[in-house]
Amino acid sequence: MDDPGNGFTPVDRDDLAGLIPHVTTQSELNEVEAANILDARVRAVSDRGLRRTLLTPRALCRLHRMMFDRVWTWAGRFRTRDPNIGSDWEMIPDEVAQLCADVRAWLEYRTYDWPTRAVRFHHRLVRIHPFPNGNGRHARLAADLLLHYNGRAMLNWAIDRSAYISALQSAEDHDYRPLLELIRPLGTTTRGDQT
């Protein structure tokens, strides 16, 4: 398979065995994944069950499965080995559960404004890296759904990849400003909403 490029998680040989369609190049893989993700996005925005349960590990696994179920046999299942990034695989269920509890607390106690909640949720989910692949795309859609389900504008993720990776690195040092500056909510120019 072609080199996936800067900032992408390489696909492990064992994970490649779970590939459903017959593809031989990274561009073919990108194409079938993009079609699956687009369909999942359309379904997810109106999925009442996902709306009620988004902030649970089970729902986040379900979302990943929706996004990649026509591409990977392991879609929606937490990884079972350690790549060069992310949490230890044994800790993934606990860390995802803790993240979901934290975000629910942010909502209950009105901690952070909406874009900051979404960006922090996204960053921590990427940092945990719960799935063998598709973590960034999954975290971006999960963050968008958090906003959408709460009547807020989704974020503009159409950004330069190197700037995005750099902003994620800043978030590792708890500086979310670069990420917030990159991905302003779609259809809005302010980020001051506190509720």
Protein backbone atom coordinates (compact mmCIF):
# COMPACT_ATOMS: atom_id res chain seq x y z
CA MET A 1 0.00 0.00 0.00
CA ASP A 2 1.24 3.53 -0.73
CA ASP A 3 2.80 5.58 2.07
CA PRO A 4 -0.06 7.34 3.87
CA GLY A 5 1.93 10.54 4.35
CA ASN A 6 2.60 13.03 7.11
CA GLY A 7 0.48 12.76 10.22
CA PHE A 8 -1.36 9.56 9.30
CA THR A 9 -1.20 6.38 11.33
CA PRO A 10 0.37 3.64 9.21
CA VAL A 11 -1.88 0.63 8.80
CA ASP A 12 -0.46 -2.43 10.56
CA ARG A 13 -0.22 -5.66 8.52
CA ASP A 14 -2.60 -7.42 10.91
CA ASP A 15 -5.11 -4.59 10.52
CA LEU A 16 -4.77 -4.76 6.73
CA ALA A 17 -6.05 -8.32 6.97
CA GLY A 18 -9.35 -6.78 8.10
CA LEU A 19 -9.78 -4.80 4.89
CA ILE A 20 -13.18 -5.59 3.35
CA PRO A 21 -12.93 -4.20 -0.21
CA HIS A 22 -10.06 -5.18 -2.45
CA VAL A 23 -7.83 -2.09 -2.66
CA THR A 24 -4.18 -1.92 -3.55
CA THR A 25 -3.27 1.75 -3.15
CA GLN A 26 -3.68 4.35 -0.44
CA SER A 27 -5.73 6.51 -2.83
CA GLU A 28 -8.22 3.66 -3.37
CA LEU A 29 -8.43 3.14 0.37
CA ASN A 30 -8.98 6.87 0.90
CA GLU A 31 -11.80 6.81 -1.65
CA VAL A 32 -13.74 3.92 -0.10
CA GLU A 33 -13.23 5.30 3.40
CA ALA A 34 -14.41 8.76 2.34
CA ALA A 35 -17.62 7.33 0.86
CA ASN A 36 -18.30 5.31 4.03
CA ILE A 37 -17.62 8.35 6.24
CA LEU A 38 -19.86 10.65 4.20
CA ASP A 39 -22.73 8.18 4.48
CA ALA A 40 -22.12 7.80 8.22
CA ARG A 41 -22.09 11.58 8.71
CA VAL A 42 -25.46 11.93 7.00
CA ARG A 43 -26.96 9.12 9.10
CA ALA A 44 -25.37 10.28 12.37
CA VAL A 45 -26.72 13.84 12.34
CA SER A 46 -30.28 12.52 12.56
CA ASP A 47 -29.67 9.35 14.62
CA ARG A 48 -31.74 9.77 17.80
CA GLY A 49 -30.06 6.89 19.60
CA LEU A 50 -26.61 8.29 18.95
CA ARG A 51 -27.83 11.74 20.01
CA ARG A 52 -28.91 10.35 23.41
CA THR A 53 -25.79 8.27 24.03
CA LEU A 54 -22.93 10.02 22.19
CA LEU A 55 -20.92 10.55 25.37
CA THR A 56 -20.52 6.85 26.13
CA PRO A 57 -17.79 4.44 25.01
CA ARG A 58 -20.40 2.23 23.37
CA ALA A 59 -21.76 5.08 21.25
CA LEU A 60 -18.26 6.20 20.23
CA CYS A 61 -17.54 2.63 19.10
CA ARG A 62 -20.85 2.61 17.23
CA LEU A 63 -19.93 5.87 15.50
CA HIS A 64 -16.56 4.42 14.41
CA ARG A 65 -18.35 1.32 13.11
CA MET A 66 -20.79 3.51 11.14
CA MET A 67 -17.86 5.37 9.60
CA PHE A 68 -15.79 2.34 8.58
CA ASP A 69 -18.11 -0.70 8.50
CA ARG A 70 -17.84 -1.11 4.73
CA VAL A 71 -14.05 -0.89 4.83
CA TRP A 72 -12.67 -2.65 7.93
CA THR A 73 -13.85 -5.80 9.71
CA TRP A 74 -12.52 -4.34 12.99
CA ALA A 75 -14.50 -1.09 12.65
CA GLY A 76 -15.89 0.02 16.00
CA ARG A 77 -13.59 -2.17 18.10
CA PHE A 78 -10.89 -0.74 20.32
CA ARG A 79 -7.35 -1.63 19.28
CA THR A 80 -5.61 -4.52 21.01
CA ARG A 81 -1.97 -3.55 20.55
CA ASP A 82 0.15 -0.47 21.02
CA PRO A 83 1.23 1.62 18.03
CA ASN A 84 3.80 4.38 18.45
CA ILE A 85 1.10 6.83 19.63
CA GLY A 86 -1.91 6.77 21.92
CA SER A 87 -2.75 5.23 25.26
CA ASP A 88 -1.73 1.72 26.25
CA TRP A 89 -4.35 -0.50 24.66
CA GLU A 90 -5.33 -2.01 28.00
CA MET A 91 -6.28 1.46 29.28
CA ILE A 92 -8.47 2.48 26.32
CA PRO A 93 -11.89 1.46 27.75
CA ASP A 94 -11.20 3.29 31.04
CA GLU A 95 -9.76 6.38 29.37
CA VAL A 96 -12.65 6.68 26.90
CA ALA A 97 -15.14 6.27 29.77
CA GLN A 98 -13.31 8.96 31.76
CA LEU A 99 -13.31 11.31 28.76
CA CYS A 100 -17.06 10.82 28.30
CA ALA A 101 -17.66 11.52 32.01
CA ASP A 102 -15.50 14.65 31.81
CA VAL A 103 -17.39 16.01 28.81
CA ARG A 104 -20.73 15.33 30.49
CA ALA A 105 -19.43 17.29 33.51
CA TRP A 106 -18.33 20.17 31.24
CA LEU A 107 -21.89 20.31 29.91
CA GLU A 108 -23.52 20.04 33.32
CA TYR A 109 -21.33 22.69 34.93
CA ARG A 110 -21.06 24.84 31.79
CA THR A 111 -17.30 24.57 31.73
CA TYR A 112 -15.74 26.18 28.63
CA ASP A 113 -17.58 27.63 25.65
CA TRP A 114 -18.97 25.28 22.99
CA PRO A 115 -16.05 25.36 20.54
CA THR A 116 -13.60 24.78 23.40
CA ARG A 117 -15.62 21.81 24.66
CA ALA A 118 -15.62 20.31 21.17
CA VAL A 119 -11.90 20.94 20.61
CA ARG A 120 -10.93 19.47 23.99
CA PHE A 121 -13.17 16.45 23.39
CA HIS A 122 -11.61 15.99 19.94
CA HIS A 123 -8.03 16.36 21.19
CA ARG A 124 -8.41 13.91 24.06
CA LEU A 125 -10.07 11.35 21.83
CA VAL A 126 -7.23 11.67 19.29
CA ARG A 127 -4.71 11.42 22.11
CA ILE A 128 -6.23 8.17 23.41
CA HIS A 129 -6.18 6.82 19.84
CA PRO A 130 -8.72 4.08 20.64
CA PHE A 131 -8.98 2.41 17.22
CA PRO A 132 -6.41 0.84 14.91
CA ASN A 133 -7.05 3.60 12.36
CA GLY A 134 -9.42 6.48 11.59
CA ASN A 135 -8.98 8.15 14.98
CA GLY A 136 -8.64 11.74 13.75
CA ARG A 137 -11.62 11.49 11.42
CA HIS A 138 -13.66 9.79 14.15
CA ALA A 139 -12.73 12.44 16.73
CA ARG A 140 -13.59 15.26 14.33
CA LEU A 141 -17.02 13.81 13.59
CA ALA A 142 -17.65 13.07 17.28
CA ALA A 143 -16.81 16.71 18.14
CA ASP A 144 -19.09 17.96 15.36
CA LEU A 145 -21.93 15.74 16.58
CA LEU A 146 -21.48 17.02 20.14
CA LEU A 147 -22.03 20.52 18.78
CA HIS A 148 -24.82 19.59 16.35
CA TYR A 149 -26.81 17.60 18.90
CA ASN A 150 -26.69 20.64 21.18
CA GLY A 151 -27.88 23.08 18.51
CA ARG A 152 -24.46 24.55 17.79
CA ALA A 153 -22.60 25.07 14.52
CA MET A 154 -20.18 22.33 13.51
CA LEU A 155 -16.50 23.17 13.10
CA ASN A 156 -14.60 23.90 9.91
CA TRP A 157 -12.10 21.06 9.62
CA ALA A 158 -11.04 21.98 6.06
CA ILE A 159 -7.63 23.15 7.21
CA ASP A 160 -4.00 22.68 6.30
CA ARG A 161 -2.87 19.30 7.63
CA SER A 162 0.53 20.49 8.87
CA ALA A 163 -1.10 23.40 10.73
CA TYR A 164 -3.62 20.95 12.23
CA ILE A 165 -0.85 18.58 13.43
CA SER A 166 1.05 21.55 14.88
CA ALA A 167 -2.10 22.75 16.67
CA LEU A 168 -2.65 19.26 18.10
CA GLN A 169 0.93 19.32 19.39
CA SER A 170 0.21 22.64 21.11
CA ALA A 171 -2.87 21.06 22.68
CA GLU A 172 -0.58 18.42 24.19
CA ASP A 173 0.86 21.31 26.23
CA HIS A 174 -2.70 22.42 27.14
CA ASP A 175 -2.59 25.33 24.68
CA TYR A 176 -5.82 25.00 22.67
CA ARG A 177 -5.64 28.46 21.10
CA PRO A 178 -3.95 27.34 17.84
CA LEU A 179 -6.57 24.64 17.32
CA LEU A 180 -9.44 26.99 18.13
CA GLU A 181 -8.06 29.60 15.73
CA LEU A 182 -7.85 27.03 12.92
CA ILE A 183 -11.32 25.56 13.18
CA ARG A 184 -13.81 28.31 13.76
CA PRO A 185 -17.43 27.11 13.85
CA LEU A 186 -19.09 26.97 10.42
CA GLY A 187 -21.47 29.85 9.79
CA THR A 188 -20.26 31.94 12.74
CA THR A 189 -17.51 34.41 13.43
CA THR A 190 -17.49 34.40 17.24
CA ARG A 191 -16.65 31.83 19.88
CA GLY A 192 -18.09 33.59 22.92
CA ASP A 193 -21.15 31.41 23.62
CA GLN A 194 -20.81 30.20 27.21
CA THR A 195 -23.83 27.88 27.45
